[in-house]
Amino acid sequence: MSISNDQSKFEVQSKTREIIEEMNQTKLLLVYLKKNLNEIQENCNHEFIEGPLYKQCSICLKMEAIHF
């Protein structure tokens, strides 16, 4: 019975490490995408479409609140 418990514990730890690694890779990807989006939005010739509370660029999707 001890071997089975040890094996289960090892499998859980192994899967936990895999999940943590995937989360770290996802975080790096999000940082990269955010940086690229910021660069795109800075260099965009905005074409805003106005909604009831905000306006949004149809090119880069930048949103700005409409001030009343």
C-alpha atoms as a PDB file:
ATOM      1  CA  MET A   1       0.000   0.000   0.000  1.00  0.00           C
ATOM      2  CA  SER A   2       2.890   2.366   0.709  1.00  0.00           C
ATOM      3  CA  ILE A   3       4.257   2.003  -2.825  1.00  0.00           C
ATOM      4  CA  SER A   4       0.888   2.964  -4.295  1.00  0.00           C
ATOM      5  CA  ASN A   5       0.679   6.054  -2.096  1.00  0.00           C
ATOM      6  CA  ASP A   6       4.236   7.047  -2.994  1.00  0.00           C
ATOM      7  CA  GLN A   7       3.484   6.562  -6.679  1.00  0.00           C
ATOM      8  CA  SER A   8       0.311   8.642  -6.436  1.00  0.00           C
ATOM      9  CA  LYS A   9       2.186  11.381  -4.579  1.00  0.00           C
ATOM     10  CA  PHE A  10       4.898  11.373  -7.260  1.00  0.00           C
ATOM     11  CA  GLU A  11       2.313  11.571 -10.045  1.00  0.00           C
ATOM     12  CA  VAL A  12       0.568  14.495  -8.348  1.00  0.00           C
ATOM     13  CA  GLN A  13       3.862  16.326  -7.835  1.00  0.00           C
ATOM     14  CA  SER A  14       4.857  15.681 -11.446  1.00  0.00           C
ATOM     15  CA  LYS A  15       1.530  16.958 -12.776  1.00  0.00           C
ATOM     16  CA  THR A  16       1.765  19.984 -10.479  1.00  0.00           C
ATOM     17  CA  ARG A  17       5.197  20.835 -11.909  1.00  0.00           C
ATOM     18  CA  GLU A  18       3.803  20.538 -15.447  1.00  0.00           C
ATOM     19  CA  ILE A  19       0.918  22.861 -14.622  1.00  0.00           C
ATOM     20  CA  ILE A  20       3.225  25.420 -13.010  1.00  0.00           C
ATOM     21  CA  GLU A  21       5.510  25.342 -16.059  1.00  0.00           C
ATOM     22  CA  GLU A  22       2.527  25.856 -18.383  1.00  0.00           C
ATOM     23  CA  MET A  23       1.356  28.770 -16.238  1.00  0.00           C
ATOM     24  CA  ASN A  24       4.817  30.352 -16.418  1.00  0.00           C
ATOM     25  CA  GLN A  25       4.894  29.956 -20.199  1.00  0.00           C
ATOM     26  CA  THR A  26       1.407  31.483 -20.447  1.00  0.00           C
ATOM     27  CA  LYS A  27       2.502  34.414 -18.295  1.00  0.00           C
ATOM     28  CA  LEU A  28       5.516  35.035 -20.548  1.00  0.00           C
ATOM     29  CA  LEU A  29       3.308  34.892 -23.621  1.00  0.00           C
ATOM     30  CA  LEU A  30       0.845  37.378 -22.114  1.00  0.00           C
ATOM     31  CA  VAL A  31       3.659  39.801 -21.270  1.00  0.00           C
ATOM     32  CA  TYR A  32       4.955  39.509 -24.845  1.00  0.00           C
ATOM     33  CA  LEU A  33       1.494  40.051 -26.340  1.00  0.00           C
ATOM     34  CA  LYS A  34       0.804  43.028 -24.061  1.00  0.00           C
ATOM     35  CA  LYS A  35       4.094  44.646 -25.109  1.00  0.00           C
ATOM     36  CA  ASN A  36       3.259  44.144 -28.786  1.00  0.00           C
ATOM     37  CA  LEU A  37      -0.279  45.468 -28.332  1.00  0.00           C
ATOM     38  CA  ASN A  38       1.070  48.585 -26.608  1.00  0.00           C
ATOM     39  CA  GLU A  39       3.457  49.187 -29.521  1.00  0.00           C
ATOM     40  CA  ILE A  40       0.674  48.695 -32.070  1.00  0.00           C
ATOM     41  CA  GLN A  41      -1.632  51.076 -30.201  1.00  0.00           C
ATOM     42  CA  GLU A  42       1.095  53.736 -29.922  1.00  0.00           C
ATOM     43  CA  ASN A  43       1.726  53.661 -33.675  1.00  0.00           C
ATOM     44  CA  CYS A  44      -1.888  53.340 -34.811  1.00  0.00           C
ATOM     45  CA  ASN A  45      -3.752  56.009 -36.773  1.00  0.00           C
ATOM     46  CA  HIS A  46      -6.870  55.549 -34.686  1.00  0.00           C
ATOM     47  CA  GLU A  47     -10.279  55.289 -36.310  1.00  0.00           C
ATOM     48  CA  PHE A  48     -12.627  55.443 -33.352  1.00  0.00           C
ATOM     49  CA  ILE A  49     -16.166  54.101 -33.328  1.00  0.00           C
ATOM     50  CA  GLU A  50     -18.229  55.640 -30.546  1.00  0.00           C
ATOM     51  CA  GLY A  51     -20.399  53.613 -28.224  1.00  0.00           C
ATOM     52  CA  PRO A  52     -22.646  54.880 -25.410  1.00  0.00           C
ATOM     53  CA  LEU A  53     -19.886  55.056 -22.749  1.00  0.00           C
ATOM     54  CA  TYR A  54     -16.655  54.577 -24.669  1.00  0.00           C
ATOM     55  CA  LYS A  55     -15.065  54.822 -28.056  1.00  0.00           C
ATOM     56  CA  GLN A  56     -12.953  52.061 -29.584  1.00  0.00           C
ATOM     57  CA  CYS A  57     -10.465  52.058 -32.430  1.00  0.00           C
ATOM     58  CA  SER A  58     -11.527  49.696 -35.192  1.00  0.00           C
ATOM     59  CA  ILE A  59      -7.882  49.022 -36.085  1.00  0.00           C
ATOM     60  CA  CYS A  60      -6.036  48.358 -32.801  1.00  0.00           C
ATOM     61  CA  LEU A  61      -9.066  47.972 -30.472  1.00  0.00           C
ATOM     62  CA  LYS A  62      -7.872  50.687 -28.086  1.00  0.00           C
ATOM     63  CA  MET A  63     -10.705  51.839 -25.844  1.00  0.00           C
ATOM     64  CA  GLU A  64     -11.221  55.263 -24.300  1.00  0.00           C
ATOM     65  CA  ALA A  65     -13.973  56.452 -22.025  1.00  0.00           C
ATOM     66  CA  ILE A  66     -16.273  59.168 -23.306  1.00  0.00           C
ATOM     67  CA  HIS A  67     -16.276  62.057 -20.857  1.00  0.00           C
ATOM     68  CA  PHE A  68     -19.543  63.879 -20.385  1.00  0.00           C
END
